[in-house]
Amino acid sequence: MIVKSLSRKTKTWEQLLNYMMHDKDRYQDEYGDSFVLKHNVTGRTIRSMTKQFEKNEENRLHHRSNSVRMYHEVLSWSNKDTKNMTVGKMQDMAKKYIELRGENSMFVAVPHRDKTHWHVHFCISGTKIETGLASRISRDEFKNIKKEIQQYQIEKYSELSNSIVNHDTSKKKEFVSESEYQFTKRTKQLSEKERTKELLTKIYKQSTSKKDFYKRIQDKGLKIYDRGGKKYGIEGDRRMRFNTFGFDDRKIDALDTTIEFRQLRDADLKNNDKEYDYHADEELDNNISIDN
């Protein structure tokens, strides 16, 4: 199972809910069954649900200009498991995800299907309902949630065997900006950041030393910028740090440490063999409304 988290700093609950409920890819099975799963949300119309999200945001304790106002998160499964997937299974795993993600936030979830890919979209409040604190989770917490929801799937729905990924070393993007997500969805093309990451990954696997790594980057026409006397990142349409691509100082320094470098590179290669390609899409709406 792939889990993707997209953050929004704008108050666009209504736009996302409309998309989830009324997009052509909102899923209904052959019997017309679907679901709208709600947690800490009681409204039955998009407008009433939006007002609840807005009211909850007013209770935020710490106000900053760059605060995340909401999250758009997606659970998705391999198209190879299409024949074994049902609305009931998606709904059950969506409930479990809400439990793991943090029950003191507000959630609305709806299933979608893009061609043969099954996925569930979540609209999540950026503020917890009781404390007014941000509902942000760390990368480590998010990684643990991904492991736990996948373990739940493995134990309860072993037939979905094609939707198991390695969340310890997965190269899939977990946290991405909404703008990058929408660009990829709209154009069917990778963003500059994604293209650069793919190229750096190839260069890293070919490099024999730290010096060789930087040289190969420049040979590809990329410009490296410095900060504090060290090579810090790539300068394209905007500046992007090496560690935002997964290449922190330790990993780059490992190129000069033969044994450690081989271990890291072998782990990367092994992980790439296990990955399958999935193009996520946004989604949701339906006949059955479930208040949780």
Protein backbone atom coordinates (compact mmCIF):
# COMPACT_ATOMS: atom_id res chain seq x y z
CA MET A 1 0.00 0.00 0.00
CA ILE A 2 1.28 3.44 -0.88
CA VAL A 3 0.41 6.30 1.47
CA LYS A 4 0.87 9.86 0.24
CA SER A 5 0.53 13.04 2.30
CA LEU A 6 -0.01 16.46 0.67
CA SER A 7 -0.18 19.60 2.75
CA ARG A 8 -2.03 22.82 1.97
CA LYS A 9 -1.38 26.21 3.53
CA THR A 10 -4.56 27.59 2.01
CA LYS A 11 -8.07 27.15 3.42
CA THR A 12 -9.51 25.16 0.53
CA TRP A 13 -11.55 22.49 2.27
CA GLU A 14 -14.55 23.17 0.05
CA GLN A 15 -12.55 22.74 -3.17
CA LEU A 16 -11.07 19.42 -2.04
CA LEU A 17 -14.39 18.09 -0.75
CA ASN A 18 -16.09 19.00 -4.02
CA TYR A 19 -13.41 17.14 -5.92
CA MET A 20 -13.68 14.12 -3.64
CA MET A 21 -17.45 13.98 -3.89
CA HIS A 22 -18.12 14.88 -7.50
CA ASP A 23 -15.12 13.98 -9.65
CA LYS A 24 -15.80 11.43 -12.39
CA ASP A 25 -13.40 8.97 -10.74
CA ARG A 26 -15.36 8.68 -7.54
CA TYR A 27 -15.90 4.97 -7.16
CA GLN A 28 -19.12 2.97 -6.99
CA ASP A 29 -19.20 -0.79 -7.46
CA GLU A 30 -21.63 -2.64 -9.72
CA TYR A 31 -24.32 -2.37 -7.01
CA GLY A 32 -23.87 1.40 -6.72
CA ASP A 33 -22.18 1.12 -3.33
CA SER A 34 -19.58 3.61 -2.18
CA PHE A 35 -18.96 5.50 1.06
CA VAL A 36 -18.33 8.88 2.63
CA LEU A 37 -16.48 8.16 5.85
CA LYS A 38 -16.55 11.00 8.37
CA HIS A 39 -14.79 11.35 11.71
CA ASN A 40 -15.42 14.35 13.99
CA VAL A 41 -17.44 15.82 11.11
CA THR A 42 -21.26 15.75 11.25
CA GLY A 43 -22.42 17.77 8.25
CA ARG A 44 -24.21 16.09 5.36
CA THR A 45 -23.49 18.72 2.75
CA ILE A 46 -20.17 20.01 1.47
CA ARG A 47 -20.97 23.50 2.70
CA SER A 48 -21.84 22.36 6.23
CA MET A 49 -18.70 20.21 6.43
CA THR A 50 -16.60 23.12 5.17
CA LYS A 51 -18.01 25.39 7.89
CA GLN A 52 -17.00 22.83 10.51
CA PHE A 53 -13.43 22.74 9.18
CA GLU A 54 -13.37 26.56 9.15
CA LYS A 55 -14.70 26.78 12.72
CA ASN A 56 -12.14 24.28 13.95
CA GLU A 57 -9.31 26.24 12.29
CA GLU A 58 -10.36 29.35 14.23
CA ASN A 59 -9.42 27.48 17.43
CA ARG A 60 -5.76 27.14 16.35
CA LEU A 61 -3.50 28.10 19.25
CA HIS A 62 -0.41 29.16 17.34
CA HIS A 63 -0.96 31.26 14.23
CA ARG A 64 1.81 31.51 11.65
CA SER A 65 1.69 32.71 8.07
CA ASN A 66 3.05 29.37 6.80
CA SER A 67 0.89 27.10 8.97
CA VAL A 68 -0.55 24.02 7.27
CA ARG A 69 -4.31 24.51 7.24
CA MET A 70 -5.26 21.07 5.94
CA TYR A 71 -3.96 17.78 4.60
CA HIS A 72 -4.94 15.83 1.52
CA GLU A 73 -3.82 12.24 2.01
CA VAL A 74 -4.24 9.18 -0.21
CA LEU A 75 -4.14 5.41 0.31
CA SER A 76 -3.57 3.50 -2.95
CA TRP A 77 -3.25 -0.09 -4.04
CA SER A 78 -1.68 -1.88 -7.00
CA ASN A 79 -3.76 -2.44 -10.11
CA LYS A 80 -2.69 -6.09 -9.84
CA ASP A 81 -5.02 -6.41 -6.84
CA THR A 82 -8.09 -5.05 -8.62
CA LYS A 83 -9.92 -8.38 -8.69
CA ASN A 84 -9.50 -8.80 -4.92
CA MET A 85 -10.47 -5.28 -3.85
CA THR A 86 -13.94 -4.26 -2.64
CA VAL A 87 -15.58 -1.11 -1.33
CA GLY A 88 -15.87 -2.78 2.07
CA LYS A 89 -12.14 -3.47 2.28
CA MET A 90 -11.24 0.10 1.34
CA GLN A 91 -13.69 1.47 3.89
CA ASP A 92 -12.31 -0.77 6.63
CA MET A 93 -8.70 0.23 5.90
CA ALA A 94 -9.71 3.89 5.74
CA LYS A 95 -11.20 3.59 9.24
CA LYS A 96 -8.01 1.97 10.49
CA TYR A 97 -5.92 4.73 8.91
CA ILE A 98 -7.97 7.39 10.73
CA GLU A 99 -7.39 5.53 13.99
CA LEU A 100 -3.63 5.44 13.37
CA ARG A 101 -3.33 8.95 11.94
CA GLY A 102 -4.90 10.65 14.96
CA GLU A 103 -8.52 10.42 16.02
CA ASN A 104 -8.55 13.94 17.48
CA SER A 105 -8.44 15.52 14.02
CA MET A 106 -11.28 15.90 11.50
CA PHE A 107 -11.49 13.48 8.58
CA VAL A 108 -13.60 12.94 5.48
CA ALA A 109 -12.69 9.99 3.25
CA VAL A 110 -14.05 8.88 -0.16
CA PRO A 111 -12.98 6.06 -2.54
CA HIS A 112 -11.86 6.70 -6.12
CA ARG A 113 -10.70 4.60 -9.01
CA ASP A 114 -8.49 5.96 -11.78
CA LYS A 115 -8.64 3.41 -14.62
CA THR A 116 -7.65 0.27 -12.68
CA HIS A 117 -6.06 1.95 -9.64
CA TRP A 118 -7.96 1.93 -6.38
CA HIS A 119 -7.40 4.72 -3.87
CA VAL A 120 -9.07 6.55 -1.00
CA HIS A 121 -8.80 10.33 -0.56
CA PHE A 122 -8.79 12.00 2.84
CA CYS A 123 -9.49 15.63 3.71
CA ILE A 124 -7.88 16.19 7.14
CA SER A 125 -7.96 19.24 9.40
CA GLY A 126 -4.69 21.00 10.09
CA THR A 127 -5.74 21.59 13.70
CA LYS A 128 -6.75 19.10 16.38
CA ILE A 129 -10.31 19.48 17.63
CA GLU A 130 -9.71 19.53 21.38
CA THR A 131 -6.38 21.24 21.90
CA GLY A 132 -6.10 23.68 19.00
CA LEU A 133 -2.64 22.31 18.33
CA ALA A 134 -1.41 21.51 14.83
CA SER A 135 -2.21 17.99 13.64
CA ARG A 136 1.22 17.71 12.00
CA ILE A 137 3.13 14.45 12.38
CA SER A 138 6.87 13.91 11.94
CA ARG A 139 8.40 11.85 9.14
CA ASP A 140 9.23 9.08 11.62
CA GLU A 141 5.66 9.04 12.90
CA PHE A 142 4.36 8.94 9.34
CA LYS A 143 6.69 6.07 8.49
CA ASN A 144 5.39 4.10 11.48
CA ILE A 145 1.78 4.77 10.44
CA LYS A 146 2.54 3.46 6.94
CA LYS A 147 4.04 0.30 8.40
CA GLU A 148 1.11 -0.24 10.75
CA ILE A 149 -1.62 0.27 8.15
CA GLN A 150 0.18 -2.06 5.76
CA GLN A 151 0.61 -4.67 8.50
CA TYR A 152 -3.13 -4.40 9.15
CA GLN A 153 -3.74 -5.05 5.45
CA ILE A 154 -1.36 -8.03 5.42
CA GLU A 155 -2.97 -9.67 8.44
CA LYS A 156 -6.59 -9.06 7.42
CA TYR A 157 -6.45 -9.04 3.61
CA SER A 158 -3.61 -11.35 2.61
CA GLU A 159 -5.12 -11.61 -0.89
CA LEU A 160 -3.88 -8.06 -1.60
CA SER A 161 -0.34 -9.38 -1.89
CA ASN A 162 0.66 -7.17 -4.83
CA SER A 163 0.15 -4.01 -2.77
CA ILE A 164 2.97 -4.59 -0.31
CA VAL A 165 5.90 -2.16 -0.41
CA ASN A 166 9.05 -1.76 1.67
CA HIS A 167 8.39 1.30 3.80
CA ASP A 168 11.85 1.19 5.39
CA THR A 169 13.72 2.09 2.23
CA SER A 170 10.95 3.13 -0.16
CA LYS A 171 11.94 5.84 -2.62
CA LYS A 172 8.32 6.88 -3.16
CA LYS A 173 7.58 10.42 -2.05
CA GLU A 174 5.72 10.48 1.25
CA PHE A 175 5.38 14.21 1.83
CA VAL A 176 4.88 16.34 -1.27
CA SER A 177 3.46 19.78 -1.83
CA GLU A 178 -0.05 20.09 -3.21
CA SER A 179 1.29 22.15 -6.14
CA GLU A 180 3.72 19.37 -7.18
CA TYR A 181 0.98 16.77 -6.88
CA GLN A 182 -1.43 18.81 -9.00
CA PHE A 183 1.26 19.59 -11.61
CA THR A 184 2.00 15.89 -12.09
CA LYS A 185 -1.70 15.01 -12.20
CA ARG A 186 -2.53 17.81 -14.66
CA THR A 187 0.39 17.47 -17.07
CA LYS A 188 1.18 13.76 -16.60
CA GLN A 189 4.80 14.95 -16.34
CA LEU A 190 7.28 14.99 -13.51
CA SER A 191 7.98 18.33 -11.84
CA GLU A 192 11.47 19.85 -12.00
CA LYS A 193 12.12 18.53 -8.50
CA GLU A 194 11.07 15.00 -9.40
CA ARG A 195 13.10 15.02 -12.63
CA THR A 196 16.17 16.25 -10.75
CA LYS A 197 15.75 13.57 -8.09
CA GLU A 198 15.58 10.83 -10.73
CA LEU A 199 18.73 12.13 -12.39
CA LEU A 200 20.64 12.47 -9.10
CA THR A 201 19.67 8.91 -8.17
CA LYS A 202 21.12 7.59 -11.45
CA ILE A 203 24.28 9.67 -11.04
CA TYR A 204 24.75 8.49 -7.46
CA LYS A 205 24.63 4.85 -8.48
CA GLN A 206 27.27 5.46 -11.15
CA SER A 207 29.63 7.54 -8.99
CA THR A 208 32.84 6.12 -7.58
CA SER A 209 33.62 8.96 -5.16
CA LYS A 210 32.22 12.17 -3.73
CA LYS A 211 34.27 14.22 -6.22
CA ASP A 212 33.04 12.05 -9.08
CA PHE A 213 29.44 12.55 -7.92
CA TYR A 214 29.71 16.35 -8.14
CA LYS A 215 31.54 16.18 -11.46
CA ARG A 216 28.88 13.95 -13.04
CA ILE A 217 26.18 16.39 -11.87
CA GLN A 218 27.94 19.28 -13.59
CA ASP A 219 28.59 17.18 -16.70
CA LYS A 220 24.80 16.79 -16.98
CA GLY A 221 24.46 20.56 -17.14
CA LEU A 222 23.20 21.05 -13.59
CA LYS A 223 24.50 23.94 -11.51
CA ILE A 224 25.64 23.28 -7.95
CA TYR A 225 25.43 26.11 -5.41
CA ASP A 226 27.49 26.47 -2.22
CA ARG A 227 26.57 27.53 1.28
CA GLY A 228 28.89 27.80 4.26
CA GLY A 229 31.84 26.67 2.18
CA LYS A 230 30.30 23.39 1.06
CA LYS A 231 28.28 22.16 -1.88
CA TYR A 232 24.69 22.51 -0.76
CA GLY A 233 22.31 21.78 -3.61
CA ILE A 234 21.10 22.27 -7.18
CA GLU A 235 20.18 25.62 -8.67
CA GLY A 236 17.50 25.40 -11.36
CA ASP A 237 14.30 27.43 -11.58
CA ARG A 238 14.73 27.54 -7.81
CA ARG A 239 17.33 26.35 -5.32
CA MET A 240 16.87 22.80 -4.07
CA ARG A 241 19.01 21.31 -1.30
CA PHE A 242 20.63 17.91 -1.77
CA ASN A 243 18.95 16.56 1.36
CA THR A 244 15.49 17.32 -0.06
CA PHE A 245 16.28 14.65 -2.67
CA GLY A 246 17.40 12.16 -0.03
CA PHE A 247 21.11 12.88 -0.42
CA ASP A 248 22.20 14.16 2.98
CA ASP A 249 25.84 14.67 4.00
CA ARG A 250 26.14 11.12 5.32
CA LYS A 251 24.98 9.55 2.08
CA ILE A 252 27.22 11.72 -0.10
CA ASP A 253 30.22 11.24 2.22
CA ALA A 254 29.60 7.49 2.00
CA LEU A 255 30.85 7.60 -1.59
CA ASP A 256 34.35 7.94 -0.14
CA THR A 257 33.76 5.10 2.31
CA THR A 258 33.74 2.04 0.10
CA ILE A 259 32.00 -0.48 2.35
CA GLU A 260 29.30 1.92 3.58
CA PHE A 261 28.70 3.19 0.06
CA ARG A 262 28.20 -0.31 -1.29
CA GLN A 263 25.71 -1.10 1.45
CA LEU A 264 23.70 2.04 0.75
CA ARG A 265 23.78 1.54 -3.00
CA ASP A 266 22.84 -2.14 -2.74
CA ALA A 267 19.88 -1.19 -0.53
CA ASP A 268 18.76 1.35 -3.12
CA LEU A 269 19.03 -1.15 -5.96
CA LYS A 270 17.19 -3.83 -4.01
CA ASN A 271 14.39 -1.39 -3.20
CA ASN A 272 14.02 -0.27 -6.81
CA ASP A 273 13.44 -3.85 -7.83
CA LYS A 274 10.46 -4.02 -5.49
CA GLU A 275 8.81 -0.80 -6.54
CA TYR A 276 5.85 -0.64 -8.88
CA ASP A 277 4.71 2.43 -10.70
CA TYR A 278 1.54 4.16 -9.49
CA HIS A 279 0.11 7.44 -10.70
CA ALA A 280 -2.01 8.79 -7.87
CA ASP A 281 -5.08 10.87 -8.54
CA GLU A 282 -7.52 12.81 -6.35
CA GLU A 283 -10.98 11.50 -5.45
CA LEU A 284 -14.52 10.89 -3.83
CA ASP A 285 -18.47 11.02 -3.19
CA ASN A 286 -21.58 8.81 -2.70
CA ASN A 287 -24.85 7.28 -1.62
CA ILE A 288 -23.90 6.00 1.81
CA SER A 289 -22.85 8.49 4.49
CA ILE A 290 -21.21 7.00 7.56
CA ASP A 291 -20.55 9.10 10.65
CA ASN A 292 -17.80 7.56 12.74
